[in-house]
Amino acid sequence: ISLAAASFAIIVSATLYMRHPSEPGLPAGYHAQEDAMRSGLALVSPAGEIDSAPKDLRWKQVAGAQRYQVRLAEVDENQIWSSETPLTQAEIPASVQREFAPGRSFLWQVTALDERGKKISVSNLQKFHIAITNRAR
């Protein structure tokens, strides 16, 4: 094969690959019906930059949910509190609220369970940051 023919073959192959890249396979253990519902749970508050420490966590109701598991963690995902409730809010204990110092960030997540305790929806991780306020005016 001449150098020109080999170069042409490489260019054609690269062009075809770029136009039709191979699609990645689904992860092992993926179950379309079960995993498609994972992010259907909407978290309401707290979210983003907030002025003061939250007293509770709130989310939207999920059809068929009998109870919710709530998880609160530091930004490194080290869990600092969890709870379970039939409501669409969870009061944060005072002992945990003391961790909410200005300048700190936290993550939280909620899992909806049906009457048998089976997961029916899991929220995305929600981050909130307690603002540092300038008290001198």
N, C-alpha and C. Protein backbone atom coordinates (compact mmCIF):
# COMPACT_ATOMS: atom_id res chain seq x y z
N ILE A 1 0.86 -1.17 0.00
CA ILE A 1 0.00 0.00 0.00
C ILE A 1 0.90 1.23 0.00
N SER A 2 0.53 2.15 -0.83
CA SER A 2 1.32 3.38 -0.88
C SER A 2 1.00 4.26 0.31
N LEU A 3 1.87 5.20 0.59
CA LEU A 3 1.69 6.14 1.69
C LEU A 3 0.43 6.97 1.47
N ALA A 4 0.16 7.35 0.26
CA ALA A 4 -1.03 8.15 -0.06
C ALA A 4 -2.30 7.35 0.22
N ALA A 5 -2.32 6.08 -0.16
CA ALA A 5 -3.49 5.22 0.06
C ALA A 5 -3.71 4.98 1.54
N ALA A 6 -2.63 4.77 2.29
CA ALA A 6 -2.75 4.56 3.74
C ALA A 6 -3.27 5.82 4.41
N SER A 7 -2.77 6.98 4.00
CA SER A 7 -3.24 8.25 4.57
C SER A 7 -4.71 8.46 4.28
N PHE A 8 -5.12 8.16 3.04
CA PHE A 8 -6.52 8.30 2.66
C PHE A 8 -7.41 7.39 3.51
N ALA A 9 -6.98 6.16 3.75
CA ALA A 9 -7.75 5.21 4.55
C ALA A 9 -7.91 5.70 5.99
N ILE A 10 -6.87 6.27 6.54
CA ILE A 10 -6.93 6.80 7.91
C ILE A 10 -7.90 7.97 7.98
N ILE A 11 -7.85 8.87 7.01
CA ILE A 11 -8.74 10.04 7.00
C ILE A 11 -10.20 9.61 6.87
N VAL A 12 -10.48 8.66 5.99
CA VAL A 12 -11.84 8.17 5.80
C VAL A 12 -12.34 7.49 7.09
N SER A 13 -11.52 6.67 7.69
CA SER A 13 -11.90 5.99 8.93
C SER A 13 -12.20 6.98 10.05
N ALA A 14 -11.34 7.97 10.20
CA ALA A 14 -11.54 8.99 11.25
C ALA A 14 -12.81 9.77 11.00
N THR A 15 -13.07 10.13 9.74
CA THR A 15 -14.29 10.88 9.40
C THR A 15 -15.53 10.06 9.70
N LEU A 16 -15.54 8.81 9.33
CA LEU A 16 -16.69 7.94 9.60
C LEU A 16 -16.89 7.75 11.10
N TYR A 17 -15.82 7.60 11.84
CA TYR A 17 -15.94 7.44 13.30
C TYR A 17 -16.54 8.69 13.93
N MET A 18 -16.07 9.85 13.49
CA MET A 18 -16.57 11.10 14.08
C MET A 18 -18.03 11.34 13.71
N ARG A 19 -18.46 10.88 12.56
CA ARG A 19 -19.85 11.08 12.15
C ARG A 19 -20.77 10.06 12.81
N HIS A 20 -20.27 8.90 13.17
CA HIS A 20 -21.08 7.84 13.76
C HIS A 20 -20.36 7.23 14.96
N PRO A 21 -20.19 8.00 16.04
CA PRO A 21 -19.49 7.44 17.19
C PRO A 21 -20.30 6.30 17.81
N SER A 22 -19.60 5.37 18.36
CA SER A 22 -20.30 4.26 19.00
C SER A 22 -21.02 4.78 20.24
N GLU A 23 -22.23 4.29 20.48
CA GLU A 23 -22.99 4.73 21.64
C GLU A 23 -22.60 3.90 22.85
N PRO A 24 -22.50 4.54 24.00
CA PRO A 24 -22.15 3.77 25.19
C PRO A 24 -23.28 2.84 25.58
N GLY A 25 -22.94 1.73 26.16
CA GLY A 25 -23.95 0.79 26.63
C GLY A 25 -24.56 1.26 27.94
N LEU A 26 -25.64 0.67 28.33
CA LEU A 26 -26.28 0.99 29.60
C LEU A 26 -25.46 0.40 30.73
N PRO A 27 -25.44 1.07 31.88
CA PRO A 27 -24.68 0.54 33.00
C PRO A 27 -25.24 -0.80 33.47
N ALA A 28 -24.37 -1.63 34.01
CA ALA A 28 -24.80 -2.92 34.56
C ALA A 28 -25.82 -2.67 35.66
N GLY A 29 -26.86 -3.47 35.69
CA GLY A 29 -27.86 -3.33 36.74
C GLY A 29 -28.92 -2.28 36.45
N TYR A 30 -28.89 -1.67 35.25
CA TYR A 30 -29.86 -0.63 34.91
C TYR A 30 -31.19 -1.30 34.60
N HIS A 31 -32.25 -0.80 35.19
CA HIS A 31 -33.60 -1.29 34.95
C HIS A 31 -34.42 -0.08 34.52
N ALA A 32 -34.72 0.02 33.23
CA ALA A 32 -35.32 1.23 32.66
C ALA A 32 -36.54 1.71 33.43
N GLN A 33 -37.49 0.85 33.72
CA GLN A 33 -38.70 1.31 34.39
C GLN A 33 -38.42 1.81 35.79
N GLU A 34 -37.59 1.10 36.55
CA GLU A 34 -37.30 1.51 37.92
C GLU A 34 -36.43 2.77 37.96
N ASP A 35 -35.37 2.80 37.16
CA ASP A 35 -34.44 3.91 37.22
C ASP A 35 -34.96 5.17 36.53
N ALA A 36 -35.91 5.05 35.63
CA ALA A 36 -36.47 6.22 34.96
C ALA A 36 -37.21 7.12 35.94
N MET A 37 -37.70 6.59 37.05
CA MET A 37 -38.45 7.36 38.02
C MET A 37 -37.56 8.01 39.07
N ARG A 38 -36.29 7.77 39.04
CA ARG A 38 -35.41 8.19 40.13
C ARG A 38 -35.43 9.69 40.39
N SER A 39 -35.51 10.51 39.37
CA SER A 39 -35.42 11.95 39.62
C SER A 39 -36.78 12.64 39.59
N GLY A 40 -37.87 11.90 39.72
CA GLY A 40 -39.20 12.49 39.69
C GLY A 40 -39.62 13.15 40.98
N LEU A 41 -38.80 13.13 41.99
CA LEU A 41 -39.14 13.72 43.28
C LEU A 41 -38.53 15.12 43.34
N ALA A 42 -39.40 16.13 43.45
CA ALA A 42 -38.94 17.52 43.42
C ALA A 42 -38.74 18.06 44.82
N LEU A 43 -37.53 18.55 45.09
CA LEU A 43 -37.23 19.18 46.37
C LEU A 43 -37.60 20.66 46.30
N VAL A 44 -38.16 21.21 47.38
CA VAL A 44 -38.63 22.59 47.39
C VAL A 44 -37.66 23.52 48.11
N SER A 45 -37.38 23.22 49.37
CA SER A 45 -36.47 24.10 50.13
C SER A 45 -35.86 23.35 51.29
N PRO A 46 -34.65 23.75 51.66
CA PRO A 46 -33.83 24.87 51.19
C PRO A 46 -33.08 24.52 49.91
N ALA A 47 -32.69 25.58 49.18
CA ALA A 47 -31.91 25.40 47.96
C ALA A 47 -31.08 26.65 47.71
N GLY A 48 -29.89 26.46 47.21
CA GLY A 48 -29.03 27.59 46.85
C GLY A 48 -28.55 28.37 48.06
N GLU A 49 -28.32 29.64 47.86
CA GLU A 49 -27.83 30.54 48.91
C GLU A 49 -29.02 30.94 49.79
N ILE A 50 -28.92 30.71 51.09
CA ILE A 50 -29.99 31.09 52.01
C ILE A 50 -29.42 31.98 53.11
N ASP A 51 -30.28 32.84 53.68
CA ASP A 51 -29.82 33.83 54.66
C ASP A 51 -29.63 33.27 56.06
N SER A 52 -30.41 32.25 56.41
CA SER A 52 -30.32 31.70 57.77
C SER A 52 -30.50 30.19 57.74
N ALA A 53 -30.13 29.57 58.83
CA ALA A 53 -30.20 28.11 58.94
C ALA A 53 -31.65 27.64 58.79
N PRO A 54 -31.90 26.62 57.96
CA PRO A 54 -33.26 26.11 57.80
C PRO A 54 -33.71 25.32 59.03
N LYS A 55 -34.99 25.36 59.29
CA LYS A 55 -35.57 24.59 60.40
C LYS A 55 -36.19 23.28 59.91
N ASP A 56 -36.45 23.22 58.59
CA ASP A 56 -37.00 21.99 58.03
C ASP A 56 -36.61 21.85 56.56
N LEU A 57 -36.89 20.66 56.02
CA LEU A 57 -36.66 20.35 54.61
C LEU A 57 -38.04 20.08 54.01
N ARG A 58 -38.30 20.58 52.79
CA ARG A 58 -39.62 20.42 52.16
C ARG A 58 -39.47 19.93 50.73
N TRP A 59 -40.42 19.09 50.31
CA TRP A 59 -40.42 18.53 48.97
C TRP A 59 -41.87 18.33 48.52
N LYS A 60 -42.05 18.01 47.24
CA LYS A 60 -43.39 17.79 46.69
C LYS A 60 -43.79 16.33 46.84
N GLN A 61 -45.09 16.14 47.02
CA GLN A 61 -45.64 14.79 47.19
C GLN A 61 -45.44 13.96 45.92
N VAL A 62 -45.22 12.68 46.12
CA VAL A 62 -45.07 11.73 45.02
C VAL A 62 -46.26 10.79 45.06
N ALA A 63 -46.95 10.62 43.93
CA ALA A 63 -48.10 9.72 43.87
C ALA A 63 -47.69 8.31 44.28
N GLY A 64 -48.45 7.71 45.18
CA GLY A 64 -48.18 6.35 45.63
C GLY A 64 -47.21 6.24 46.79
N ALA A 65 -46.62 7.35 47.19
CA ALA A 65 -45.65 7.32 48.30
C ALA A 65 -46.41 7.27 49.63
N GLN A 66 -45.98 6.38 50.49
CA GLN A 66 -46.56 6.27 51.82
C GLN A 66 -45.66 6.92 52.86
N ARG A 67 -44.37 6.97 52.56
CA ARG A 67 -43.42 7.61 53.47
C ARG A 67 -42.17 8.00 52.68
N TYR A 68 -41.38 8.84 53.33
CA TYR A 68 -40.18 9.38 52.69
C TYR A 68 -38.99 9.21 53.62
N GLN A 69 -37.87 8.84 53.04
CA GLN A 69 -36.60 8.81 53.77
C GLN A 69 -35.85 10.08 53.40
N VAL A 70 -35.36 10.79 54.40
CA VAL A 70 -34.67 12.05 54.21
C VAL A 70 -33.23 11.89 54.68
N ARG A 71 -32.30 12.44 53.90
CA ARG A 71 -30.89 12.35 54.24
C ARG A 71 -30.26 13.72 54.09
N LEU A 72 -29.52 14.13 55.11
CA LEU A 72 -28.81 15.42 55.12
C LEU A 72 -27.32 15.12 55.29
N ALA A 73 -26.49 15.77 54.48
CA ALA A 73 -25.06 15.47 54.50
C ALA A 73 -24.24 16.74 54.32
N GLU A 74 -22.97 16.65 54.71
CA GLU A 74 -22.02 17.70 54.41
C GLU A 74 -21.67 17.59 52.93
N VAL A 75 -20.98 18.58 52.38
CA VAL A 75 -20.69 18.57 50.94
C VAL A 75 -19.81 17.39 50.50
N ASP A 76 -19.11 16.78 51.43
CA ASP A 76 -18.32 15.59 51.08
C ASP A 76 -19.18 14.33 51.14
N GLU A 77 -20.50 14.51 51.30
CA GLU A 77 -21.51 13.46 51.38
C GLU A 77 -21.44 12.64 52.67
N ASN A 78 -20.74 13.14 53.67
CA ASN A 78 -20.73 12.53 54.99
C ASN A 78 -22.08 12.82 55.64
N GLN A 79 -22.88 11.79 55.84
CA GLN A 79 -24.23 11.97 56.38
C GLN A 79 -24.19 12.46 57.82
N ILE A 80 -24.96 13.53 58.10
CA ILE A 80 -25.01 14.05 59.47
C ILE A 80 -26.37 13.82 60.12
N TRP A 81 -27.40 13.46 59.31
CA TRP A 81 -28.72 13.21 59.88
C TRP A 81 -29.59 12.53 58.84
N SER A 82 -30.48 11.67 59.31
CA SER A 82 -31.48 11.06 58.43
C SER A 82 -32.75 10.84 59.23
N SER A 83 -33.85 10.73 58.51
CA SER A 83 -35.14 10.56 59.16
C SER A 83 -36.10 9.92 58.18
N GLU A 84 -37.24 9.49 58.69
CA GLU A 84 -38.30 8.94 57.85
C GLU A 84 -39.61 9.55 58.31
N THR A 85 -40.47 9.93 57.36
CA THR A 85 -41.72 10.60 57.68
C THR A 85 -42.78 10.31 56.62
N PRO A 86 -44.06 10.33 57.00
CA PRO A 86 -45.13 10.23 56.00
C PRO A 86 -45.46 11.59 55.37
N LEU A 87 -44.91 12.66 55.90
CA LEU A 87 -45.20 14.02 55.45
C LEU A 87 -44.28 14.45 54.32
N THR A 88 -44.54 15.61 53.74
CA THR A 88 -43.67 16.16 52.69
C THR A 88 -42.76 17.25 53.26
N GLN A 89 -42.45 17.11 54.53
CA GLN A 89 -41.47 17.97 55.18
C GLN A 89 -40.91 17.22 56.38
N ALA A 90 -39.71 17.58 56.76
CA ALA A 90 -39.07 16.97 57.92
C ALA A 90 -38.43 18.08 58.74
N GLU A 91 -38.80 18.14 60.00
CA GLU A 91 -38.20 19.13 60.90
C GLU A 91 -36.79 18.68 61.26
N ILE A 92 -35.86 19.61 61.17
CA ILE A 92 -34.47 19.32 61.47
C ILE A 92 -34.25 19.52 62.97
N PRO A 93 -33.75 18.52 63.67
CA PRO A 93 -33.53 18.66 65.11
C PRO A 93 -32.56 19.80 65.45
N ALA A 94 -32.76 20.41 66.61
CA ALA A 94 -31.90 21.52 67.06
C ALA A 94 -30.43 21.12 67.09
N SER A 95 -30.15 19.89 67.47
CA SER A 95 -28.75 19.44 67.53
C SER A 95 -28.10 19.47 66.14
N VAL A 96 -28.86 19.23 65.10
CA VAL A 96 -28.34 19.29 63.73
C VAL A 96 -28.28 20.74 63.26
N GLN A 97 -29.27 21.53 63.61
CA GLN A 97 -29.29 22.94 63.22
C GLN A 97 -28.05 23.68 63.71
N ARG A 98 -27.50 23.25 64.83
CA ARG A 98 -26.28 23.89 65.35
C ARG A 98 -25.09 23.72 64.41
N GLU A 99 -25.16 22.75 63.50
CA GLU A 99 -24.10 22.54 62.50
C GLU A 99 -24.16 23.58 61.38
N PHE A 100 -25.28 24.28 61.26
CA PHE A 100 -25.51 25.19 60.15
C PHE A 100 -24.88 26.57 60.38
N ALA A 101 -23.59 26.62 60.40
CA ALA A 101 -22.87 27.88 60.60
C ALA A 101 -22.80 28.66 59.28
N PRO A 102 -22.80 29.99 59.35
CA PRO A 102 -22.65 30.80 58.14
C PRO A 102 -21.38 30.40 57.38
N GLY A 103 -21.52 30.33 56.06
CA GLY A 103 -20.40 29.96 55.21
C GLY A 103 -20.33 28.47 54.89
N ARG A 104 -21.16 27.67 55.55
CA ARG A 104 -21.12 26.21 55.30
C ARG A 104 -22.17 25.82 54.27
N SER A 105 -21.89 24.73 53.57
CA SER A 105 -22.80 24.18 52.56
C SER A 105 -23.18 22.76 52.95
N PHE A 106 -24.38 22.36 52.54
CA PHE A 106 -24.90 21.04 52.85
C PHE A 106 -25.65 20.47 51.65
N LEU A 107 -25.80 19.15 51.65
CA LEU A 107 -26.55 18.44 50.62
C LEU A 107 -27.69 17.69 51.29
N TRP A 108 -28.81 17.54 50.56
CA TRP A 108 -29.88 16.70 51.08
C TRP A 108 -30.59 15.99 49.94
N GLN A 109 -31.26 14.90 50.29
CA GLN A 109 -31.90 14.05 49.31
C GLN A 109 -33.08 13.34 49.97
N VAL A 110 -34.11 13.06 49.18
CA VAL A 110 -35.30 12.38 49.68
C VAL A 110 -35.60 11.18 48.79
N THR A 111 -36.02 10.08 49.41
CA THR A 111 -36.43 8.87 48.71
C THR A 111 -37.88 8.59 49.07
N ALA A 112 -38.74 8.41 48.07
CA ALA A 112 -40.15 8.08 48.29
C ALA A 112 -40.32 6.56 48.29
N LEU A 113 -41.06 6.07 49.27
CA LEU A 113 -41.30 4.63 49.42
C LEU A 113 -42.79 4.32 49.32
N ASP A 114 -43.14 3.19 48.72
CA ASP A 114 -44.55 2.79 48.67
C ASP A 114 -44.93 2.04 49.94
N GLU A 115 -46.14 1.47 49.97
CA GLU A 115 -46.63 0.81 51.18
C GLU A 115 -45.81 -0.41 51.57
N ARG A 116 -45.09 -1.00 50.64
CA ARG A 116 -44.24 -2.17 50.94
C ARG A 116 -42.81 -1.77 51.28
N GLY A 117 -42.53 -0.47 51.23
CA GLY A 117 -41.17 0.01 51.50
C GLY A 117 -40.27 0.01 50.29
N LYS A 118 -40.84 -0.20 49.10
CA LYS A 118 -40.07 -0.21 47.86
C LYS A 118 -39.85 1.23 47.39
N LYS A 119 -38.63 1.53 46.95
CA LYS A 119 -38.31 2.86 46.42
C LYS A 119 -39.12 3.10 45.15
N ILE A 120 -39.83 4.22 45.12
CA ILE A 120 -40.55 4.56 43.89
C ILE A 120 -40.00 5.83 43.24
N SER A 121 -39.26 6.62 43.98
CA SER A 121 -38.65 7.82 43.41
C SER A 121 -37.55 8.30 44.35
N VAL A 122 -36.48 8.83 43.75
CA VAL A 122 -35.37 9.39 44.51
C VAL A 122 -35.05 10.75 43.91
N SER A 123 -34.94 11.76 44.76
CA SER A 123 -34.61 13.09 44.27
C SER A 123 -33.14 13.16 43.90
N ASN A 124 -32.80 14.20 43.17
CA ASN A 124 -31.39 14.53 42.97
C ASN A 124 -30.86 15.10 44.27
N LEU A 125 -29.56 15.17 44.42
CA LEU A 125 -28.98 15.85 45.58
C LEU A 125 -29.22 17.35 45.44
N GLN A 126 -29.69 17.97 46.51
CA GLN A 126 -29.93 19.41 46.52
C GLN A 126 -28.90 20.06 47.44
N LYS A 127 -28.28 21.14 46.98
CA LYS A 127 -27.27 21.82 47.80
C LYS A 127 -27.84 23.14 48.31
N PHE A 128 -27.51 23.46 49.55
CA PHE A 128 -27.78 24.80 50.05
C PHE A 128 -26.57 25.31 50.80
N HIS A 129 -26.42 26.64 50.79
CA HIS A 129 -25.27 27.30 51.40
C HIS A 129 -25.79 28.41 52.29
N ILE A 130 -25.32 28.44 53.53
CA ILE A 130 -25.75 29.46 54.47
C ILE A 130 -24.82 30.66 54.29
N ALA A 131 -25.43 31.77 53.90
CA ALA A 131 -24.68 32.98 53.58
C ALA A 131 -23.99 33.56 54.81
N ILE A 132 -22.86 34.19 54.54
CA ILE A 132 -22.17 34.97 55.57
C ILE A 132 -22.71 36.37 55.44
N THR A 133 -23.40 36.83 56.47
CA THR A 133 -24.00 38.17 56.41
C THR A 133 -23.07 39.19 57.03
N ASN A 134 -23.07 40.37 56.49
CA ASN A 134 -22.27 41.47 57.01
C ASN A 134 -23.11 42.21 58.03
N ARG A 135 -22.81 42.02 59.29
CA ARG A 135 -23.61 42.62 60.36
C ARG A 135 -23.30 44.10 60.58
N ALA A 136 -22.13 44.56 60.18
CA ALA A 136 -21.76 45.97 60.35
C ALA A 136 -22.34 46.77 59.20
N ARG A 137 -23.11 47.78 59.53
CA ARG A 137 -23.71 48.62 58.47
C ARG A 137 -23.34 50.04 58.65
